[in-house]
PDB file of N, CA and C in Angstrom:
ATOM      1  N   MET A   1     -15.515 120.479 -54.759  1.00  0.00           N
ATOM      2  CA  MET A   1     -14.721 119.800 -55.536  1.00  0.00           C
ATOM      3  C   MET A   1     -14.510 120.949 -56.599  1.00  0.00           C
ATOM      4  N   ASN A   2     -12.763 120.936 -56.326  1.00  0.00           N
ATOM      5  CA  ASN A   2     -11.793 121.709 -56.684  1.00  0.00           C
ATOM      6  C   ASN A   2     -11.716 121.017 -58.021  1.00  0.00           C
ATOM      7  N   ASP A   3     -11.344 121.656 -58.988  1.00  0.00           N
ATOM      8  CA  ASP A   3     -10.937 121.904 -60.514  1.00  0.00           C
ATOM      9  C   ASP A   3      -9.648 120.481 -60.608  1.00  0.00           C
ATOM     10  N   GLN A   4      -8.741 120.940 -59.580  1.00  0.00           N
ATOM     11  CA  GLN A   4      -7.416 119.792 -59.560  1.00  0.00           C
ATOM     12  C   GLN A   4      -8.311 118.735 -59.743  1.00  0.00           C
ATOM     13  N   MET A   5      -8.848 118.161 -58.275  1.00  0.00           N
ATOM     14  CA  MET A   5      -9.327 116.980 -57.782  1.00  0.00           C
ATOM     15  C   MET A   5      -9.867 116.280 -59.523  1.00  0.00           C
ATOM     16  N   ARG A   6     -11.490 117.417 -59.470  1.00  0.00           N
ATOM     17  CA  ARG A   6     -11.863 116.940 -60.841  1.00  0.00           C
ATOM     18  C   ARG A   6     -11.033 116.496 -61.691  1.00  0.00           C
ATOM     19  N   ALA A   7     -10.107 117.020 -62.225  1.00  0.00           N
ATOM     20  CA  ALA A   7      -9.289 116.325 -63.090  1.00  0.00           C
ATOM     21  C   ALA A   7      -8.437 114.781 -62.730  1.00  0.00           C
ATOM     22  N   VAL A   8      -8.071 115.346 -60.826  1.00  0.00           N
ATOM     23  CA  VAL A   8      -7.678 113.374 -60.313  1.00  0.00           C
ATOM     24  C   VAL A   8      -9.255 112.408 -60.837  1.00  0.00           C
ATOM     25  N   ARG A   9      -9.804 112.866 -60.533  1.00  0.00           N
ATOM     26  CA  ARG A   9     -10.956 111.671 -60.629  1.00  0.00           C
ATOM     27  C   ARG A   9     -11.515 111.357 -61.941  1.00  0.00           C
ATOM     28  N   ASP A  10     -11.545 112.252 -63.396  1.00  0.00           N
ATOM     29  CA  ASP A  10     -11.285 111.788 -64.282  1.00  0.00           C
ATOM     30  C   ASP A  10     -10.025 111.286 -65.346  1.00  0.00           C
ATOM     31  N   PHE A  11      -9.587 111.659 -64.672  1.00  0.00           N
ATOM     32  CA  PHE A  11      -8.129 110.287 -65.304  1.00  0.00           C
ATOM     33  C   PHE A  11      -8.021 109.132 -64.675  1.00  0.00           C
ATOM     34  N   ILE A  12      -8.706 108.771 -63.280  1.00  0.00           N
ATOM     35  CA  ILE A  12      -9.104 107.329 -63.303  1.00  0.00           C
ATOM     36  C   ILE A  12     -10.269 106.880 -63.761  1.00  0.00           C
ATOM     37  N   LEU A  13     -11.477 107.875 -63.727  1.00  0.00           N
ATOM     38  CA  LEU A  13     -12.197 107.095 -64.286  1.00  0.00           C
ATOM     39  C   LEU A  13     -11.887 106.747 -65.857  1.00  0.00           C
ATOM     40  N   GLN A  14     -11.379 107.427 -66.385  1.00  0.00           N
ATOM     41  CA  GLN A  14     -10.957 107.809 -68.084  1.00  0.00           C
ATOM     42  C   GLN A  14     -10.013 106.320 -68.495  1.00  0.00           C
ATOM     43  N   ARG A  15      -9.638 105.796 -67.413  1.00  0.00           N
ATOM     44  CA  ARG A  15      -9.129 104.570 -67.279  1.00  0.00           C
ATOM     45  C   ARG A  15      -9.101 103.061 -66.566  1.00  0.00           C
ATOM     46  N   ASN A  16     -10.325 103.289 -66.124  1.00  0.00           N
ATOM     47  CA  ASN A  16     -11.339 102.621 -65.770  1.00  0.00           C
ATOM     48  C   ASN A  16     -12.635 102.312 -65.855  1.00  0.00           C
ATOM     49  N   SER A  17     -13.214 101.597 -67.200  1.00  0.00           N
ATOM     50  CA  SER A  17     -14.006 101.801 -68.005  1.00  0.00           C
ATOM     51  C   SER A  17     -15.461 100.853 -67.110  1.00  0.00           C
ATOM     52  N   THR A  18     -14.981 100.391 -66.556  1.00  0.00           N
ATOM     53  CA  THR A  18     -16.352  99.583 -65.380  1.00  0.00           C
ATOM     54  C   THR A  18     -16.618 100.645 -64.072  1.00  0.00           C
ATOM     55  N   MET A  19     -15.653 101.136 -63.768  1.00  0.00           N
ATOM     56  CA  MET A  19     -16.002 102.390 -62.816  1.00  0.00           C
ATOM     57  C   MET A  19     -17.062 103.485 -63.648  1.00  0.00           C
ATOM     58  N   ASP A  20     -18.014 104.071 -62.537  1.00  0.00           N
ATOM     59  CA  ASP A  20     -18.637 104.942 -63.325  1.00  0.00           C
ATOM     60  C   ASP A  20     -19.143 106.161 -62.140  1.00  0.00           C
ATOM     61  N   THR A  21     -18.523 105.519 -60.931  1.00  0.00           N
ATOM     62  CA  THR A  21     -18.455 106.930 -59.226  1.00  0.00           C
ATOM     63  C   THR A  21     -17.302 106.445 -59.076  1.00  0.00           C
ATOM     64  N   LEU A  22     -16.528 107.507 -58.110  1.00  0.00           N
ATOM     65  CA  LEU A  22     -15.295 106.961 -57.156  1.00  0.00           C
ATOM     66  C   LEU A  22     -15.596 107.721 -55.949  1.00  0.00           C
ATOM     67  N   SER A  23     -15.358 106.929 -54.744  1.00  0.00           N
ATOM     68  CA  SER A  23     -15.263 107.018 -53.729  1.00  0.00           C
ATOM     69  C   SER A  23     -14.031 107.809 -52.913  1.00  0.00           C
ATOM     70  N   ASP A  24     -14.844 108.975 -52.128  1.00  0.00           N
ATOM     71  CA  ASP A  24     -13.265 109.290 -52.113  1.00  0.00           C
ATOM     72  C   ASP A  24     -12.219 108.200 -51.188  1.00  0.00           C
ATOM     73  N   ASP A  25     -13.085 107.744 -50.363  1.00  0.00           N
ATOM     74  CA  ASP A  25     -11.747 106.657 -49.507  1.00  0.00           C
ATOM     75  C   ASP A  25     -11.930 105.559 -50.289  1.00  0.00           C
ATOM     76  N   LEU A  26     -12.323 104.952 -51.277  1.00  0.00           N
ATOM     77  CA  LEU A  26     -11.839 103.874 -52.137  1.00  0.00           C
ATOM     78  C   LEU A  26     -10.275 104.054 -52.445  1.00  0.00           C
ATOM     79  N   ASP A  27      -9.798 103.052 -51.988  1.00  0.00           N
ATOM     80  CA  ASP A  27      -8.239 102.493 -52.243  1.00  0.00           C
ATOM     81  C   ASP A  27      -7.872 102.038 -53.721  1.00  0.00           C
ATOM     82  N   LEU A  28      -7.235 103.169 -53.740  1.00  0.00           N
ATOM     83  CA  LEU A  28      -7.191 103.514 -55.601  1.00  0.00           C
ATOM     84  C   LEU A  28      -6.058 102.062 -55.598  1.00  0.00           C
ATOM     85  N   ILE A  29      -5.301 101.956 -54.353  1.00  0.00           N
ATOM     86  CA  ILE A  29      -4.110 101.084 -55.301  1.00  0.00           C
ATOM     87  C   ILE A  29      -4.481  99.451 -55.349  1.00  0.00           C
ATOM     88  N   ASP A  30      -5.128  98.900 -54.375  1.00  0.00           N
ATOM     89  CA  ASP A  30      -5.707  97.919 -54.083  1.00  0.00           C
ATOM     90  C   ASP A  30      -6.870  97.042 -54.929  1.00  0.00           C
ATOM     91  N   SER A  31      -8.050  98.517 -55.416  1.00  0.00           N
ATOM     92  CA  SER A  31      -8.346  98.000 -56.782  1.00  0.00           C
ATOM     93  C   SER A  31      -8.317  98.152 -57.687  1.00  0.00           C
ATOM     94  N   ARG A  32      -7.040  98.914 -57.855  1.00  0.00           N
ATOM     95  CA  ARG A  32      -6.051  98.908 -59.337  1.00  0.00           C
ATOM     96  C   ARG A  32      -7.332  99.817 -60.224  1.00  0.00           C
ATOM     97  N   ALA A  33      -7.546 100.789 -59.333  1.00  0.00           N
ATOM     98  CA  ALA A  33      -7.994 102.205 -60.180  1.00  0.00           C
ATOM     99  C   ALA A  33      -6.644 102.550 -60.528  1.00  0.00           C
ATOM    100  N   ILE A  34      -5.476 102.414 -59.894  1.00  0.00           N
ATOM    101  CA  ILE A  34      -4.058 103.192 -60.242  1.00  0.00           C
ATOM    102  C   ILE A  34      -3.376 102.079 -60.366  1.00  0.00           C
ATOM    103  N   ASN A  35      -3.131 101.656 -61.394  1.00  0.00           N
ATOM    104  CA  ASN A  35      -2.226 100.452 -61.780  1.00  0.00           C
ATOM    105  C   ASN A  35      -0.923 101.171 -61.970  1.00  0.00           C
ATOM    106  N   SER A  36      -0.011 100.147 -61.973  1.00  0.00           N
ATOM    107  CA  SER A  36       1.630 100.675 -62.430  1.00  0.00           C
ATOM    108  C   SER A  36       1.517 101.322 -63.799  1.00  0.00           C
ATOM    109  N   LEU A  37       1.225 100.707 -64.706  1.00  0.00           N
ATOM    110  CA  LEU A  37       1.260 101.457 -66.056  1.00  0.00           C
ATOM    111  C   LEU A  37       1.022 102.865 -66.498  1.00  0.00           C
ATOM    112  N   ALA A  38      -0.505 103.338 -65.287  1.00  0.00           N
ATOM    113  CA  ALA A  38      -0.342 104.717 -65.421  1.00  0.00           C
ATOM    114  C   ALA A  38      -0.003 105.543 -64.325  1.00  0.00           C
ATOM    115  N   PHE A  39       0.675 105.136 -63.462  1.00  0.00           N
ATOM    116  CA  PHE A  39       1.169 105.488 -61.947  1.00  0.00           C
ATOM    117  C   PHE A  39       1.804 106.819 -62.603  1.00  0.00           C
ATOM    118  N   VAL A  40       2.929 106.249 -63.869  1.00  0.00           N
ATOM    119  CA  VAL A  40       3.909 107.486 -64.159  1.00  0.00           C
ATOM    120  C   VAL A  40       3.211 108.505 -65.096  1.00  0.00           C
ATOM    121  N   GLU A  41       1.885 108.339 -65.380  1.00  0.00           N
ATOM    122  CA  GLU A  41       1.057 109.199 -66.118  1.00  0.00           C
ATOM    123  C   GLU A  41       0.704 110.072 -65.478  1.00  0.00           C
ATOM    124  N   PHE A  42       0.253 109.525 -64.340  1.00  0.00           N
ATOM    125  CA  PHE A  42      -0.589 109.540 -62.888  1.00  0.00           C
ATOM    126  C   PHE A  42       0.286 110.778 -62.126  1.00  0.00           C
ATOM    127  N   ILE A  43       1.771 110.462 -62.094  1.00  0.00           N
ATOM    128  CA  ILE A  43       2.357 111.920 -61.079  1.00  0.00           C
ATOM    129  C   ILE A  43       2.723 112.670 -62.171  1.00  0.00           C
ATOM    130  N   PHE A  44       2.774 113.029 -63.747  1.00  0.00           N
ATOM    131  CA  PHE A  44       2.873 113.772 -64.512  1.00  0.00           C
ATOM    132  C   PHE A  44       1.427 114.717 -64.497  1.00  0.00           C
ATOM    133  N   LEU A  45       0.100 113.689 -64.368  1.00  0.00           N
ATOM    134  CA  LEU A  45      -0.456 114.892 -64.019  1.00  0.00           C
ATOM    135  C   LEU A  45      -1.103 115.785 -63.127  1.00  0.00           C
ATOM    136  N   LEU A  46      -0.386 114.895 -61.505  1.00  0.00           N
ATOM    137  CA  LEU A  46      -0.084 115.589 -60.389  1.00  0.00           C
ATOM    138  C   LEU A  46       0.707 117.103 -60.178  1.00  0.00           C
ATOM    139  N   GLU A  47       1.840 116.451 -61.543  1.00  0.00           N
ATOM    140  CA  GLU A  47       3.255 117.812 -61.559  1.00  0.00           C
ATOM    141  C   GLU A  47       2.652 119.109 -62.409  1.00  0.00           C
ATOM    142  N   GLU A  48       1.694 118.381 -63.193  1.00  0.00           N
ATOM    143  CA  GLU A  48       0.657 119.391 -63.900  1.00  0.00           C
ATOM    144  C   GLU A  48       0.040 120.019 -63.292  1.00  0.00           C
ATOM    145  N   LEU A  49      -1.124 119.804 -62.490  1.00  0.00           N
ATOM    146  CA  LEU A  49      -2.139 120.133 -61.621  1.00  0.00           C
ATOM    147  C   LEU A  49      -0.983 121.138 -60.386  1.00  0.00           C
ATOM    148  N   THR A  50      -0.024 120.679 -59.740  1.00  0.00           N
ATOM    149  CA  THR A  50       0.434 121.429 -58.661  1.00  0.00           C
ATOM    150  C   THR A  50       1.511 122.908 -59.376  1.00  0.00           C
ATOM    151  N   GLY A  51       2.145 122.494 -60.279  1.00  0.00           N
ATOM    152  CA  GLY A  51       2.952 123.302 -60.945  1.00  0.00           C
ATOM    153  C   GLY A  51       4.485 123.016 -59.982  1.00  0.00           C
ATOM    154  N   GLU A  52       4.759 122.154 -59.666  1.00  0.00           N
ATOM    155  CA  GLU A  52       5.803 121.395 -59.051  1.00  0.00           C
ATOM    156  C   GLU A  52       6.408 120.276 -59.232  1.00  0.00           C
ATOM    157  N   SER A  53       7.922 119.706 -58.788  1.00  0.00           N
ATOM    158  CA  SER A  53       8.268 118.463 -59.568  1.00  0.00           C
ATOM    159  C   SER A  53       7.806 118.152 -57.885  1.00  0.00           C
ATOM    160  N   ILE A  54       7.832 116.357 -58.293  1.00  0.00           N
ATOM    161  CA  ILE A  54       7.372 115.416 -57.589  1.00  0.00           C
ATOM    162  C   ILE A  54       8.557 114.711 -57.410  1.00  0.00           C
ATOM    163  N   ASP A  55       9.642 114.752 -56.554  1.00  0.00           N
ATOM    164  CA  ASP A  55      10.493 113.589 -56.158  1.00  0.00           C
ATOM    165  C   ASP A  55      10.089 112.466 -56.086  1.00  0.00           C
ATOM    166  N   PRO A  56      10.759 111.517 -56.785  1.00  0.00           N
ATOM    167  CA  PRO A  56      10.376 110.240 -56.342  1.00  0.00           C
ATOM    168  C   PRO A  56      10.954 109.675 -54.806  1.00  0.00           C
ATOM    169  N   GLU A  57      11.914 110.591 -54.457  1.00  0.00           N
ATOM    170  CA  GLU A  57      12.481 109.921 -53.312  1.00  0.00           C
ATOM    171  C   GLU A  57      11.311 110.488 -51.985  1.00  0.00           C
ATOM    172  N   ASP A  58      10.804 111.189 -52.664  1.00  0.00           N
ATOM    173  CA  ASP A  58       9.619 111.833 -51.024  1.00  0.00           C
ATOM    174  C   ASP A  58       7.854 110.971 -51.631  1.00  0.00           C
ATOM    175  N   LEU A  59       8.310 110.260 -52.062  1.00  0.00           N
ATOM    176  CA  LEU A  59       6.723 109.790 -52.509  1.00  0.00           C
ATOM    177  C   LEU A  59       6.664 108.540 -51.265  1.00  0.00           C
ATOM    178  N   ASP A  60       5.256 108.606 -50.974  1.00  0.00           N
ATOM    179  CA  ASP A  60       5.220 107.399 -50.277  1.00  0.00           C
ATOM    180  C   ASP A  60       3.746 106.891 -50.898  1.00  0.00           C
ATOM    181  N   LEU A  61       3.773 105.537 -50.199  1.00  0.00           N
ATOM    182  CA  LEU A  61       2.332 105.523 -51.070  1.00  0.00           C
ATOM    183  C   LEU A  61       0.776 105.484 -51.077  1.00  0.00           C
ATOM    184  N   ASP A  62       0.660 105.704 -49.483  1.00  0.00           N
ATOM    185  CA  ASP A  62      -0.143 106.072 -48.693  1.00  0.00           C
ATOM    186  C   ASP A  62      -0.488 107.496 -49.024  1.00  0.00           C
ATOM    187  N   ASP A  63      -0.107 108.300 -49.958  1.00  0.00           N
ATOM    188  CA  ASP A  63      -0.644 109.474 -50.235  1.00  0.00           C
ATOM    189  C   ASP A  63      -1.405 109.183 -51.999  1.00  0.00           C
ATOM    190  N   PHE A  64      -1.199 107.749 -52.409  1.00  0.00           N
ATOM    191  CA  PHE A  64      -1.470 107.713 -53.385  1.00  0.00           C
ATOM    192  C   PHE A  64      -3.103 106.692 -52.911  1.00  0.00           C
ATOM    193  N   ARG A  65      -3.288 106.415 -52.096  1.00  0.00           N
ATOM    194  CA  ARG A  65      -4.604 105.735 -51.916  1.00  0.00           C
ATOM    195  C   ARG A  65      -5.893 105.732 -52.061  1.00  0.00           C
ATOM    196  N   THR A  66      -6.318 106.548 -51.358  1.00  0.00           N
ATOM    197  CA  THR A  66      -7.375 107.296 -51.780  1.00  0.00           C
ATOM    198  C   THR A  66      -7.328 109.186 -52.425  1.00  0.00           C
ATOM    199  N   LEU A  67      -8.626 109.360 -52.528  1.00  0.00           N
ATOM    200  CA  LEU A  67      -8.978 110.786 -53.434  1.00  0.00           C
ATOM    201  C   LEU A  67      -8.239 111.529 -52.390  1.00  0.00           C
ATOM    202  N   THR A  68      -8.848 110.961 -50.973  1.00  0.00           N
ATOM    203  CA  THR A  68      -9.108 112.377 -49.589  1.00  0.00           C
ATOM    204  C   THR A  68      -7.506 112.246 -49.238  1.00  0.00           C
ATOM    205  N   ALA A  69      -6.393 111.378 -49.151  1.00  0.00           N
ATOM    206  CA  ALA A  69      -5.293 111.369 -49.221  1.00  0.00           C
ATOM    207  C   ALA A  69      -4.758 112.470 -50.352  1.00  0.00           C
ATOM    208  N   ILE A  70      -4.925 112.352 -51.876  1.00  0.00           N
ATOM    209  CA  ILE A  70      -4.327 112.708 -52.477  1.00  0.00           C
ATOM    210  C   ILE A  70      -4.043 114.062 -52.462  1.00  0.00           C
ATOM    211  N   GLU A  71      -5.717 114.462 -52.026  1.00  0.00           N
ATOM    212  CA  GLU A  71      -5.891 116.047 -52.009  1.00  0.00           C
ATOM    213  C   GLU A  71      -5.199 116.428 -50.782  1.00  0.00           C
ATOM    214  N   ALA A  72      -5.732 115.928 -49.899  1.00  0.00           N
ATOM    215  CA  ALA A  72      -4.764 116.327 -48.875  1.00  0.00           C
ATOM    216  C   ALA A  72      -2.876 116.433 -48.754  1.00  0.00           C
ATOM    217  N   ARG A  73      -2.313 115.628 -49.553  1.00  0.00           N
ATOM    218  CA  ARG A  73      -1.231 115.818 -49.835  1.00  0.00           C
ATOM    219  C   ARG A  73      -0.261 116.979 -51.079  1.00  0.00           C
ATOM    220  N   PHE A  74      -1.471 116.940 -51.899  1.00  0.00           N
ATOM    221  CA  PHE A  74      -1.003 117.528 -53.116  1.00  0.00           C
ATOM    222  C   PHE A  74      -1.462 119.149 -53.000  1.00  0.00           C
ATOM    223  N   PHE A  75      -3.127 118.963 -52.900  1.00  0.00           N
ATOM    224  CA  PHE A  75      -3.719 120.419 -52.919  1.00  0.00           C
ATOM    225  C   PHE A  75      -4.244 120.726 -51.969  1.00  0.00           C
ATOM    226  N   THR A  76      -3.953 120.828 -50.600  1.00  0.00           N
ATOM    227  CA  THR A  76      -4.410 121.729 -49.546  1.00  0.00           C
ATOM    228  C   THR A  76      -3.062 122.501 -49.329  1.00  0.00           C
ATOM    229  N   ARG A  77      -3.730 123.933 -48.609  1.00  0.00           N
ATOM    230  CA  ARG A  77      -2.616 124.788 -48.538  1.00  0.00           C
ATOM    231  C   ARG A  77      -1.931 124.366 -47.775  1.00  0.00           C
ATOM    232  N   GLU A  78      -1.694 123.564 -46.663  1.00  0.00           N
ATOM    233  CA  GLU A  78      -0.383 123.005 -46.041  1.00  0.00           C
ATOM    234  C   GLU A  78       0.213 122.310 -46.899  1.00  0.00           C
ATOM    235  N   ALA A  79       0.091 121.943 -48.174  1.00  0.00           N
ATOM    236  CA  ALA A  79       1.205 121.030 -49.068  1.00  0.00           C
ATOM    237  C   ALA A  79       1.697 121.342 -50.111  1.00  0.00           C
ATOM    238  N   VAL A  80       1.575 123.033 -50.115  1.00  0.00           N
ATOM    239  CA  VAL A  80       1.615 123.875 -51.109  1.00  0.00           C
ATOM    240  C   VAL A  80       2.741 124.280 -50.795  1.00  0.00           C
ATOM    241  N   ARG A  81       4.207 123.819 -51.205  1.00  0.00           N
ATOM    242  CA  ARG A  81       5.345 124.308 -50.710  1.00  0.00           C
ATOM    243  C   ARG A  81       5.798 125.649 -51.410  1.00  0.00           C
TER     244      ARG A  81
END
């Protein structure tokens, strides 16, 4: 796991005191691991980690469903623009 994904995982775990582990395929939306109140802050974290702005018009909720999806969308070489 790279430092960026570790920061994402830490962000989610810090906001969910009942969770002590986080699987890569857990649905973060349905499980409420990322709720609507934390979502904006989460977007800011992703922008900070990627060094790029995230246009709300380009957002697809499926990009945030799992840690695997987040890594693929924001942290793979192909995702870096």
